[in-house]
C-alpha atoms as a PDB file:
ATOM      1  CA  MET A   1       0.000   0.000   0.000  1.00  0.00           C
ATOM      2  CA  SER A   2       1.453   3.357  -0.971  1.00  0.00           C
ATOM      3  CA  LEU A   3      -0.678   5.681   1.159  1.00  0.00           C
ATOM      4  CA  ASP A   4      -1.544   5.670   4.844  1.00  0.00           C
ATOM      5  CA  VAL A   5      -5.252   6.390   4.489  1.00  0.00           C
ATOM      6  CA  SER A   6      -7.133   7.568   7.562  1.00  0.00           C
ATOM      7  CA  PRO A   7     -10.487   5.967   8.408  1.00  0.00           C
ATOM      8  CA  ALA A   8     -12.149   9.351   7.805  1.00  0.00           C
ATOM      9  CA  LEU A   9     -10.734   9.660   4.294  1.00  0.00           C
ATOM     10  CA  LEU A  10     -11.641   6.076   3.503  1.00  0.00           C
ATOM     11  CA  ALA A  11     -15.199   6.796   4.671  1.00  0.00           C
ATOM     12  CA  GLN A  12     -15.315   9.816   2.318  1.00  0.00           C
ATOM     13  CA  ALA A  13     -14.259   7.584  -0.568  1.00  0.00           C
ATOM     14  CA  GLU A  14     -16.840   4.952   0.323  1.00  0.00           C
ATOM     15  CA  GLN A  15     -19.611   7.560   0.369  1.00  0.00           C
ATOM     16  CA  GLY A  16     -18.697   9.332  -2.863  1.00  0.00           C
ATOM     17  CA  GLU A  17     -16.498  12.274  -3.691  1.00  0.00           C
ATOM     18  CA  VAL A  18     -13.292  12.880  -1.746  1.00  0.00           C
ATOM     19  CA  ASN A  19     -12.087  16.293  -0.635  1.00  0.00           C
ATOM     20  CA  GLU A  20      -8.940  16.718  -2.718  1.00  0.00           C
ATOM     21  CA  ALA A  21      -7.212  18.786  -0.018  1.00  0.00           C
ATOM     22  CA  ASP A  22      -7.626  15.846   2.364  1.00  0.00           C
ATOM     23  CA  PHE A  23      -6.223  13.517  -0.277  1.00  0.00           C
ATOM     24  CA  VAL A  24      -3.204  15.778  -0.872  1.00  0.00           C
ATOM     25  CA  ASP A  25      -2.601  15.903   2.881  1.00  0.00           C
ATOM     26  CA  THR A  26      -2.574  12.095   2.899  1.00  0.00           C
ATOM     27  CA  VAL A  27      -0.032  12.141   0.080  1.00  0.00           C
ATOM     28  CA  ARG A  28       2.061  14.699   2.007  1.00  0.00           C
ATOM     29  CA  THR A  29       2.194  12.550   5.119  1.00  0.00           C
ATOM     30  CA  SER A  30       2.478   9.196   3.331  1.00  0.00           C
ATOM     31  CA  LEU A  31       5.050  10.178   0.714  1.00  0.00           C
ATOM     32  CA  PRO A  32       6.940  13.040   2.403  1.00  0.00           C
ATOM     33  CA  TYR A  33      10.074  12.821   0.270  1.00  0.00           C
ATOM     34  CA  ALA A  34       8.120  13.028  -2.990  1.00  0.00           C
ATOM     35  CA  TYR A  35       5.832  15.778  -1.708  1.00  0.00           C
ATOM     36  CA  ARG A  36       8.738  17.847  -0.378  1.00  0.00           C
ATOM     37  CA  MET A  37      10.683  17.499  -3.628  1.00  0.00           C
ATOM     38  CA  ILE A  38       7.751  18.750  -5.701  1.00  0.00           C
ATOM     39  CA  GLU A  39       7.111  21.544  -3.202  1.00  0.00           C
ATOM     40  CA  GLU A  40      10.757  22.669  -3.353  1.00  0.00           C
ATOM     41  CA  LEU A  41      10.920  22.459  -7.145  1.00  0.00           C
ATOM     42  CA  THR A  42       7.713  24.503  -7.392  1.00  0.00           C
ATOM     43  CA  ALA A  43       9.255  27.200  -5.191  1.00  0.00           C
ATOM     44  CA  GLU A  44      12.438  27.119  -7.293  1.00  0.00           C
ATOM     45  CA  LEU A  45      10.398  27.483 -10.480  1.00  0.00           C
ATOM     46  CA  GLY A  46       8.554  30.487  -9.040  1.00  0.00           C
ATOM     47  CA  ALA A  47      11.754  32.172  -7.865  1.00  0.00           C
ATOM     48  CA  GLY A  48      13.726  31.743 -11.081  1.00  0.00           C
ATOM     49  CA  ASP A  49      13.587  32.664 -14.699  1.00  0.00           C
ATOM     50  CA  ARG A  50      14.124  29.200 -16.173  1.00  0.00           C
ATOM     51  CA  PRO A  51      11.326  27.456 -18.085  1.00  0.00           C
ATOM     52  CA  PHE A  52      11.345  24.590 -15.543  1.00  0.00           C
ATOM     53  CA  ALA A  53      12.958  23.390 -12.325  1.00  0.00           C
ATOM     54  CA  ASP A  54      14.212  19.838 -11.978  1.00  0.00           C
ATOM     55  CA  ASN A  55      15.976  17.479  -9.646  1.00  0.00           C
ATOM     56  CA  SER A  56      18.980  15.474 -10.788  1.00  0.00           C
ATOM     57  CA  VAL A  57      20.140  14.135  -7.420  1.00  0.00           C
ATOM     58  CA  PRO A  58      19.252  10.491  -6.774  1.00  0.00           C
ATOM     59  CA  PRO A  59      17.192   9.802  -3.646  1.00  0.00           C
ATOM     60  CA  PRO A  60      19.209   8.799  -0.575  1.00  0.00           C
ATOM     61  CA  SER A  61      17.601   5.356  -0.364  1.00  0.00           C
ATOM     62  CA  ASP A  62      15.260   2.944  -2.088  1.00  0.00           C
ATOM     63  CA  ALA A  63      12.479   4.058   0.267  1.00  0.00           C
ATOM     64  CA  GLU A  64      12.619   7.621  -1.061  1.00  0.00           C
ATOM     65  CA  ARG A  65      12.958   6.386  -4.640  1.00  0.00           C
ATOM     66  CA  GLY A  66       9.840   4.290  -4.071  1.00  0.00           C
ATOM     67  CA  GLN A  67       7.956   7.358  -2.887  1.00  0.00           C
ATOM     68  CA  LEU A  68       8.755   9.198  -6.111  1.00  0.00           C
ATOM     69  CA  LEU A  69       7.768   6.221  -8.208  1.00  0.00           C
ATOM     70  CA  ARG A  70       4.458   5.802  -6.355  1.00  0.00           C
ATOM     71  CA  ALA A  71       3.619   9.513  -6.499  1.00  0.00           C
ATOM     72  CA  LEU A  72       4.410   9.980 -10.161  1.00  0.00           C
ATOM     73  CA  ALA A  73       3.146   6.643 -11.481  1.00  0.00           C
ATOM     74  CA  SER A  74      -0.341   7.142 -10.047  1.00  0.00           C
ATOM     75  CA  ASP A  75      -2.558   9.323 -12.209  1.00  0.00           C
ATOM     76  CA  ALA A  76      -4.654  10.300  -9.172  1.00  0.00           C
ATOM     77  CA  ILE A  77      -1.693  11.270  -7.006  1.00  0.00           C
ATOM     78  CA  ARG A  78       0.187  13.004  -9.799  1.00  0.00           C
ATOM     79  CA  GLY A  79      -2.881  14.934 -10.931  1.00  0.00           C
ATOM     80  CA  SER A  80      -3.729  16.020  -7.403  1.00  0.00           C
ATOM     81  CA  LEU A  81      -0.179  17.243  -6.830  1.00  0.00           C
ATOM     82  CA  GLU A  82      -0.237  19.136 -10.120  1.00  0.00           C
ATOM     83  CA  ARG A  83      -3.492  20.855  -9.181  1.00  0.00           C
ATOM     84  CA  HIS A  84      -2.347  21.517  -5.612  1.00  0.00           C
ATOM     85  CA  PHE A  85       0.934  23.142  -6.656  1.00  0.00           C
ATOM     86  CA  GLY A  86      -0.367  24.648  -9.902  1.00  0.00           C
ATOM     87  CA  VAL A  87       2.305  23.012 -12.047  1.00  0.00           C
ATOM     88  CA  ARG A  88       2.770  20.384 -14.713  1.00  0.00           C
ATOM     89  CA  LEU A  89       5.010  17.492 -13.667  1.00  0.00           C
ATOM     90  CA  ALA A  90       7.393  15.571 -15.873  1.00  0.00           C
ATOM     91  CA  PHE A  91       9.311  12.482 -14.799  1.00  0.00           C
ATOM     92  CA  MET A  92      12.351  10.709 -16.168  1.00  0.00           C
ATOM     93  CA  ASN A  93      14.117   7.644 -14.767  1.00  0.00           C
ATOM     94  CA  CYS A  94      13.768   6.977 -11.065  1.00  0.00           C
ATOM     95  CA  HIS A  95      14.490  10.430  -9.684  1.00  0.00           C
ATOM     96  CA  ARG A  96      14.544  13.148 -12.310  1.00  0.00           C
ATOM     97  CA  VAL A  97      11.412  15.122 -11.569  1.00  0.00           C
ATOM     98  CA  ALA A  98      10.700  18.441 -13.259  1.00  0.00           C
ATOM     99  CA  VAL A  99       8.026  21.058 -12.665  1.00  0.00           C
ATOM    100  CA  PHE A 100       6.799  23.272 -15.479  1.00  0.00           C
ATOM    101  CA  PRO A 101       4.229  26.039 -15.488  1.00  0.00           C
ATOM    102  CA  VAL A 102       0.736  24.879 -16.402  1.00  0.00           C
ATOM    103  CA  GLY A 103       0.375  25.096 -20.157  1.00  0.00           C
ATOM    104  CA  ALA A 104       4.056  24.406 -20.807  1.00  0.00           C
ATOM    105  CA  GLU A 105       3.136  21.136 -22.534  1.00  0.00           C
ATOM    106  CA  GLN A 106       2.934  23.083 -25.794  1.00  0.00           C
ATOM    107  CA  GLY A 107       6.359  24.658 -25.317  1.00  0.00           C
ATOM    108  CA  GLU A 108       9.755  23.624 -26.591  1.00  0.00           C
ATOM    109  CA  ALA A 109      11.322  23.099 -23.122  1.00  0.00           C
ATOM    110  CA  TYR A 110       8.616  20.623 -22.079  1.00  0.00           C
ATOM    111  CA  ARG A 111       8.673  18.769 -25.379  1.00  0.00           C
ATOM    112  CA  ARG A 112      12.465  18.532 -25.229  1.00  0.00           C
ATOM    113  CA  PHE A 113      12.465  17.303 -21.588  1.00  0.00           C
ATOM    114  CA  THR A 114       9.860  14.614 -22.286  1.00  0.00           C
ATOM    115  CA  SER A 115      11.283  13.510 -25.624  1.00  0.00           C
ATOM    116  CA  VAL A 116      12.550  10.054 -26.462  1.00  0.00           C
ATOM    117  CA  ARG A 117      15.931  11.630 -27.218  1.00  0.00           C
ATOM    118  CA  SER A 118      16.193  13.159 -23.729  1.00  0.00           C
ATOM    119  CA  GLN A 119      15.163   9.884 -22.134  1.00  0.00           C
ATOM    120  CA  LEU A 120      17.908   8.050 -23.981  1.00  0.00           C
ATOM    121  CA  LEU A 121      20.549  10.685 -23.247  1.00  0.00           C
ATOM    122  CA  ASN A 122      19.668  10.562 -19.533  1.00  0.00           C
ATOM    123  CA  GLN A 123      20.488   6.844 -19.253  1.00  0.00           C
ATOM    124  CA  VAL A 124      23.470   5.750 -17.201  1.00  0.00           C
ATOM    125  CA  PRO A 125      24.394   2.232 -16.070  1.00  0.00           C
ATOM    126  CA  GLU A 126      23.904   3.144 -12.381  1.00  0.00           C
ATOM    127  CA  LEU A 127      20.196   3.748 -12.948  1.00  0.00           C
ATOM    128  CA  ARG A 128      19.330   0.502 -14.701  1.00  0.00           C
ATOM    129  CA  SER A 129      17.812  -1.061 -11.588  1.00  0.00           C
ATOM    130  CA  CYS A 130      15.840   1.929 -10.383  1.00  0.00           C
END
């Protein structure tokens, strides 16, 4: 299980619609490394003049790597984080997370970051098992 879901949030889900803020809070507490990374990259994006902010430092352990994989592989989690932070997320390998402004999907920087070419150029033997 990737999230530590409270009985109250589970009851919301069983009865219908879930308050997204409550869901994001569950993500924040369940996947703190992933949440914090996206939060910090969002702040970096807002403070700079680059078209995106990204992380290129591998997580300190497999536990943190797993958090990133769970957060970014789940459409529900990823979408909620994008809406919460007001960004568009892009993900490459097991740790390279980037945040772009909403709408950047049509821009050159986003297309270049998410391209097959970039994926191939970002490969290194150390990351084969991630």
